[in-house]
N, C-alpha and C. Protein backbone atom coordinates (compact mmCIF):
# COMPACT_ATOMS: atom_id res chain seq x y z
N GLU A 1 68.10 75.91 112.69
CA GLU A 1 68.11 74.69 111.88
C GLU A 1 67.63 73.53 112.75
N PHE A 2 66.85 72.67 112.15
CA PHE A 2 66.29 71.52 112.87
C PHE A 2 66.24 70.33 111.91
N GLU A 3 66.90 69.28 112.29
CA GLU A 3 66.95 68.04 111.52
C GLU A 3 67.24 68.29 110.04
N GLY A 4 68.22 69.17 109.80
CA GLY A 4 68.68 69.42 108.44
C GLY A 4 67.92 70.48 107.66
N ASP A 5 66.87 71.02 108.21
CA ASP A 5 66.10 72.06 107.52
C ASP A 5 66.15 73.36 108.29
N LYS A 6 66.16 74.46 107.53
CA LYS A 6 66.12 75.79 108.15
C LYS A 6 64.67 76.21 108.32
N TYR A 7 64.35 76.77 109.48
CA TYR A 7 62.99 77.23 109.77
C TYR A 7 63.01 78.70 110.13
N PHE A 8 61.96 79.37 109.70
CA PHE A 8 61.78 80.78 110.02
C PHE A 8 60.79 80.90 111.18
N PRO A 9 60.86 81.99 111.94
CA PRO A 9 59.93 82.16 113.07
C PRO A 9 58.47 81.98 112.68
N ALA A 10 58.09 82.44 111.50
CA ALA A 10 56.68 82.31 111.07
C ALA A 10 56.27 80.85 110.97
N GLU A 11 57.19 79.99 110.56
CA GLU A 11 56.88 78.56 110.45
C GLU A 11 56.67 77.94 111.84
N ILE A 12 57.53 78.30 112.76
CA ILE A 12 57.39 77.78 114.13
C ILE A 12 56.11 78.31 114.75
N HIS A 13 55.84 79.58 114.53
CA HIS A 13 54.63 80.21 115.08
C HIS A 13 53.38 79.51 114.54
N LEU A 14 53.38 79.20 113.25
CA LEU A 14 52.21 78.53 112.67
C LEU A 14 52.06 77.11 113.20
N ILE A 15 53.16 76.40 113.37
CA ILE A 15 53.11 75.05 113.96
C ILE A 15 52.47 75.11 115.34
N LEU A 16 52.90 76.08 116.16
CA LEU A 16 52.34 76.23 117.50
C LEU A 16 50.85 76.56 117.43
N HIS A 17 50.47 77.40 116.49
CA HIS A 17 49.06 77.78 116.35
C HIS A 17 48.22 76.59 115.92
N ILE A 18 48.68 75.85 114.95
CA ILE A 18 47.93 74.68 114.46
C ILE A 18 47.69 73.70 115.60
N ALA A 19 48.69 73.53 116.44
CA ALA A 19 48.57 72.59 117.56
C ALA A 19 47.52 73.02 118.57
N THR A 20 47.26 74.32 118.65
CA THR A 20 46.28 74.81 119.63
C THR A 20 44.87 74.87 119.07
N CYS A 21 44.73 74.73 117.75
CA CYS A 21 43.39 74.72 117.16
C CYS A 21 42.66 73.45 117.59
N GLU A 22 41.47 73.62 118.11
CA GLU A 22 40.71 72.47 118.61
C GLU A 22 40.12 71.64 117.48
N GLU A 23 39.69 72.29 116.44
CA GLU A 23 39.04 71.56 115.37
C GLU A 23 40.08 70.83 114.52
N ASN A 24 39.68 69.69 114.01
CA ASN A 24 40.58 68.88 113.21
C ASN A 24 40.81 69.49 111.84
N SER A 25 39.82 70.17 111.28
CA SER A 25 40.02 70.79 109.98
C SER A 25 40.32 72.26 110.20
N LYS A 26 41.15 72.79 109.35
CA LYS A 26 41.64 74.15 109.53
C LYS A 26 41.23 75.02 108.34
N ASN A 27 40.61 76.13 108.61
CA ASN A 27 40.25 77.10 107.60
C ASN A 27 41.38 78.11 107.51
N LEU A 28 42.00 78.22 106.32
CA LEU A 28 43.17 79.08 106.17
C LEU A 28 42.86 80.54 106.43
N THR A 29 41.67 80.98 106.03
CA THR A 29 41.29 82.38 106.27
C THR A 29 41.22 82.65 107.77
N LYS A 30 40.59 81.74 108.52
CA LYS A 30 40.48 81.94 109.98
C LYS A 30 41.85 81.90 110.65
N ILE A 31 42.72 81.00 110.20
CA ILE A 31 44.08 80.94 110.75
C ILE A 31 44.78 82.27 110.48
N GLY A 32 44.67 82.74 109.25
CA GLY A 32 45.31 84.02 108.89
C GLY A 32 44.80 85.17 109.72
N GLN A 33 43.48 85.22 109.91
CA GLN A 33 42.89 86.29 110.72
C GLN A 33 43.41 86.25 112.15
N SER A 34 43.48 85.07 112.72
CA SER A 34 43.93 84.98 114.11
C SER A 34 45.41 85.30 114.27
N LEU A 35 46.19 85.11 113.20
CA LEU A 35 47.62 85.42 113.26
C LEU A 35 47.96 86.79 112.67
N GLY A 36 46.96 87.42 112.05
CA GLY A 36 47.20 88.73 111.45
C GLY A 36 47.97 88.66 110.14
N ILE A 37 47.81 87.55 109.40
CA ILE A 37 48.46 87.41 108.10
C ILE A 37 47.41 86.97 107.07
N THR A 38 47.77 87.02 105.82
CA THR A 38 46.82 86.68 104.77
C THR A 38 46.65 85.17 104.62
N LYS A 39 45.55 84.79 103.99
CA LYS A 39 45.29 83.38 103.67
C LYS A 39 46.42 82.84 102.80
N GLY A 40 46.89 83.66 101.86
CA GLY A 40 47.99 83.26 100.98
C GLY A 40 49.27 82.97 101.75
N ALA A 41 49.56 83.81 102.74
CA ALA A 41 50.76 83.59 103.56
C ALA A 41 50.63 82.29 104.35
N VAL A 42 49.45 82.04 104.90
CA VAL A 42 49.21 80.79 105.63
C VAL A 42 49.44 79.61 104.71
N SER A 43 48.89 79.69 103.51
CA SER A 43 49.02 78.61 102.54
C SER A 43 50.48 78.34 102.18
N GLN A 44 51.24 79.40 101.98
CA GLN A 44 52.67 79.26 101.65
C GLN A 44 53.45 78.61 102.79
N ILE A 45 53.17 79.02 104.01
CA ILE A 45 53.89 78.47 105.16
C ILE A 45 53.52 77.00 105.35
N ILE A 46 52.24 76.68 105.18
CA ILE A 46 51.81 75.28 105.31
C ILE A 46 52.49 74.43 104.24
N LYS A 47 52.60 74.96 103.03
CA LYS A 47 53.27 74.22 101.95
C LYS A 47 54.73 73.96 102.32
N LYS A 48 55.41 74.98 102.84
CA LYS A 48 56.81 74.82 103.24
C LYS A 48 56.95 73.75 104.33
N LEU A 49 56.05 73.81 105.31
CA LEU A 49 56.11 72.83 106.40
C LEU A 49 55.82 71.42 105.89
N ALA A 50 54.89 71.30 104.95
CA ALA A 50 54.58 70.00 104.37
C ALA A 50 55.77 69.50 103.53
N ASP A 51 56.36 70.39 102.74
CA ASP A 51 57.51 70.01 101.91
C ASP A 51 58.71 69.57 102.75
N LYS A 52 58.83 70.12 103.95
CA LYS A 52 59.93 69.73 104.85
C LYS A 52 59.59 68.49 105.67
N GLY A 53 58.39 67.94 105.45
CA GLY A 53 58.01 66.70 106.12
C GLY A 53 57.45 66.85 107.51
N ASN A 54 56.88 68.03 107.82
CA ASN A 54 56.34 68.27 109.16
C ASN A 54 54.83 68.11 109.24
N LEU A 55 54.15 68.37 108.13
CA LEU A 55 52.69 68.33 108.10
C LEU A 55 52.20 67.46 106.95
N ILE A 56 51.06 66.84 107.18
CA ILE A 56 50.33 66.19 106.11
C ILE A 56 49.08 67.04 105.92
N LYS A 57 48.86 67.49 104.69
CA LYS A 57 47.69 68.32 104.42
C LYS A 57 46.80 67.62 103.40
N GLU A 58 45.51 67.63 103.69
CA GLU A 58 44.52 67.04 102.81
C GLU A 58 43.30 67.95 102.81
N ILE A 59 42.57 67.93 101.73
CA ILE A 59 41.33 68.70 101.65
C ILE A 59 40.31 68.05 102.60
N ASP A 60 39.62 68.88 103.35
CA ASP A 60 38.58 68.40 104.27
C ASP A 60 37.41 67.86 103.45
N ASN A 61 36.98 66.65 103.74
CA ASN A 61 35.87 66.02 103.00
C ASN A 61 34.54 66.76 103.19
N TYR A 62 34.39 67.44 104.31
CA TYR A 62 33.12 68.09 104.63
C TYR A 62 33.11 69.58 104.32
N ASN A 63 34.29 70.17 104.17
CA ASN A 63 34.38 71.61 103.93
C ASN A 63 35.53 71.86 102.96
N LYS A 64 35.22 72.13 101.72
CA LYS A 64 36.26 72.29 100.70
C LYS A 64 37.13 73.52 100.94
N ASN A 65 36.70 74.42 101.82
CA ASN A 65 37.49 75.60 102.14
C ASN A 65 38.46 75.38 103.29
N ALA A 66 38.50 74.17 103.79
CA ALA A 66 39.36 73.87 104.93
C ALA A 66 40.29 72.72 104.58
N LEU A 67 41.34 72.62 105.35
CA LEU A 67 42.30 71.53 105.19
C LEU A 67 42.28 70.64 106.42
N GLN A 68 42.55 69.39 106.20
CA GLN A 68 42.85 68.49 107.32
C GLN A 68 44.36 68.54 107.47
N LEU A 69 44.84 68.97 108.61
CA LEU A 69 46.27 69.07 108.87
C LEU A 69 46.64 68.12 110.00
N SER A 70 47.67 67.36 109.79
CA SER A 70 48.16 66.49 110.87
C SER A 70 49.67 66.54 110.88
N PHE A 71 50.22 66.34 112.06
CA PHE A 71 51.67 66.37 112.23
C PHE A 71 52.27 65.01 111.91
N THR A 72 53.40 65.04 111.21
CA THR A 72 54.20 63.84 111.05
C THR A 72 55.01 63.67 112.34
N GLU A 73 55.77 62.61 112.43
CA GLU A 73 56.64 62.44 113.61
C GLU A 73 57.64 63.59 113.69
N LYS A 74 58.20 63.96 112.54
CA LYS A 74 59.13 65.10 112.51
C LYS A 74 58.42 66.37 112.96
N GLY A 75 57.19 66.57 112.50
CA GLY A 75 56.42 67.74 112.89
C GLY A 75 56.14 67.77 114.38
N GLN A 76 55.91 66.61 114.97
CA GLN A 76 55.69 66.55 116.42
C GLN A 76 56.95 66.93 117.18
N ARG A 77 58.11 66.52 116.64
CA ARG A 77 59.38 66.91 117.28
C ARG A 77 59.62 68.41 117.13
N LEU A 78 59.27 68.97 115.96
CA LEU A 78 59.40 70.41 115.76
C LEU A 78 58.46 71.17 116.68
N LEU A 79 57.25 70.66 116.85
CA LEU A 79 56.29 71.27 117.77
C LEU A 79 56.84 71.28 119.20
N ALA A 80 57.43 70.18 119.62
CA ALA A 80 58.02 70.11 120.97
C ALA A 80 59.14 71.14 121.11
N LEU A 81 59.97 71.26 120.09
CA LEU A 81 61.04 72.27 120.11
C LEU A 81 60.44 73.67 120.17
N GLY A 82 59.41 73.93 119.38
CA GLY A 82 58.76 75.24 119.38
C GLY A 82 58.20 75.59 120.74
N ARG A 83 57.58 74.61 121.39
CA ARG A 83 57.04 74.85 122.74
C ARG A 83 58.16 75.15 123.73
N THR A 84 59.27 74.45 123.61
CA THR A 84 60.41 74.70 124.49
C THR A 84 60.95 76.11 124.26
N LEU A 85 61.10 76.50 123.02
CA LEU A 85 61.59 77.85 122.70
C LEU A 85 60.64 78.92 123.20
N GLU A 86 59.34 78.65 123.06
CA GLU A 86 58.33 79.60 123.53
C GLU A 86 58.42 79.77 125.05
N ARG A 87 58.55 78.67 125.77
CA ARG A 87 58.68 78.75 127.24
C ARG A 87 59.93 79.54 127.64
N LYS A 88 61.04 79.29 126.95
CA LYS A 88 62.29 80.01 127.25
C LYS A 88 62.14 81.50 126.98
N ALA A 89 61.45 81.84 125.89
CA ALA A 89 61.26 83.25 125.55
C ALA A 89 60.40 83.95 126.61
N PHE A 90 59.31 83.29 127.03
CA PHE A 90 58.46 83.88 128.05
C PHE A 90 59.19 84.02 129.38
N LYS A 91 60.00 83.03 129.71
CA LYS A 91 60.76 83.09 130.95
C LYS A 91 61.77 84.25 130.90
N ALA A 92 62.43 84.41 129.76
CA ALA A 92 63.39 85.52 129.61
C ALA A 92 62.67 86.86 129.71
N LEU A 93 61.49 86.95 129.12
CA LEU A 93 60.71 88.18 129.19
C LEU A 93 60.29 88.47 130.63
N GLU A 94 59.84 87.44 131.34
CA GLU A 94 59.47 87.61 132.76
C GLU A 94 60.65 88.14 133.56
N THR A 95 61.81 87.55 133.34
CA THR A 95 63.03 87.96 134.05
C THR A 95 63.36 89.41 133.73
N LEU A 96 63.28 89.76 132.46
CA LEU A 96 63.57 91.12 132.04
C LEU A 96 62.62 92.12 132.68
N LEU A 97 61.35 91.76 132.78
CA LEU A 97 60.35 92.69 133.29
C LEU A 97 60.38 92.85 134.81
N THR A 98 61.09 92.01 135.52
CA THR A 98 61.14 92.14 136.98
C THR A 98 61.83 93.43 137.40
N ASP A 99 62.62 94.02 136.51
CA ASP A 99 63.32 95.26 136.83
C ASP A 99 62.44 96.51 136.69
N TYR A 100 61.20 96.33 136.24
CA TYR A 100 60.33 97.47 135.97
C TYR A 100 59.15 97.51 136.95
N THR A 101 58.69 98.73 137.21
CA THR A 101 57.52 98.93 138.07
C THR A 101 56.26 98.58 137.28
N PRO A 102 55.14 98.33 137.96
CA PRO A 102 53.89 98.06 137.22
C PRO A 102 53.52 99.13 136.19
N PRO A 103 53.63 100.44 136.51
CA PRO A 103 53.31 101.44 135.48
C PRO A 103 54.27 101.36 134.27
N GLN A 104 55.53 101.07 134.53
CA GLN A 104 56.48 100.93 133.42
C GLN A 104 56.13 99.71 132.56
N LYS A 105 55.75 98.63 133.22
CA LYS A 105 55.35 97.42 132.49
C LYS A 105 54.13 97.72 131.62
N GLU A 106 53.20 98.49 132.15
CA GLU A 106 51.99 98.87 131.41
C GLU A 106 52.37 99.67 130.17
N THR A 107 53.31 100.58 130.30
CA THR A 107 53.78 101.38 129.16
C THR A 107 54.44 100.50 128.12
N ILE A 108 55.27 99.57 128.56
CA ILE A 108 55.94 98.64 127.64
C ILE A 108 54.91 97.79 126.90
N LEU A 109 53.94 97.28 127.64
CA LEU A 109 52.90 96.46 127.02
C LEU A 109 52.09 97.26 125.99
N ASP A 110 51.75 98.49 126.35
CA ASP A 110 51.01 99.35 125.43
C ASP A 110 51.83 99.57 124.16
N PHE A 111 53.10 99.84 124.31
CA PHE A 111 53.98 100.04 123.16
C PHE A 111 54.03 98.78 122.29
N LEU A 112 54.18 97.62 122.90
CA LEU A 112 54.26 96.37 122.14
C LEU A 112 52.97 96.08 121.39
N HIS A 113 51.83 96.37 122.00
CA HIS A 113 50.55 96.20 121.31
C HIS A 113 50.46 97.12 120.09
N LYS A 114 50.89 98.38 120.27
CA LYS A 114 50.86 99.32 119.14
C LYS A 114 51.82 98.89 118.04
N LEU A 115 52.99 98.43 118.44
CA LEU A 115 53.97 97.96 117.47
C LEU A 115 53.44 96.74 116.72
N ASN A 116 52.83 95.83 117.44
CA ASN A 116 52.27 94.62 116.83
C ASN A 116 51.18 94.96 115.82
N SER A 117 50.38 95.97 116.12
CA SER A 117 49.30 96.34 115.20
C SER A 117 49.85 96.94 113.90
N LEU A 118 51.06 97.44 113.93
CA LEU A 118 51.67 97.99 112.72
C LEU A 118 52.27 96.90 111.84
N LEU A 119 52.58 95.78 112.42
CA LEU A 119 53.25 94.71 111.66
C LEU A 119 52.32 93.86 110.87
């Protein structure tokens, strides 16, 4: 929960992804492809984030298939929280992996890639 609203991992993940997109306008199909989800799922998550006051979405004047997305102040605070959580998760993973040999780490990584491709 953040500032009175409940957030799902997919929402935080999308906020982090939007922040890393270099272009100002966002194509939902391209976002979906890069995250491995459908354009419809991207659209639903963006709507939820906008409804919770995190994003402002507008149709791109130059490309009707893209949106102009910008963060509200609340969205910027959620982005900062997401980045903090991401750093903590990576740090925990690094700590966990110190107990494994390089070949074991390779096996774990291979497994995670295969698991991710199924999701």
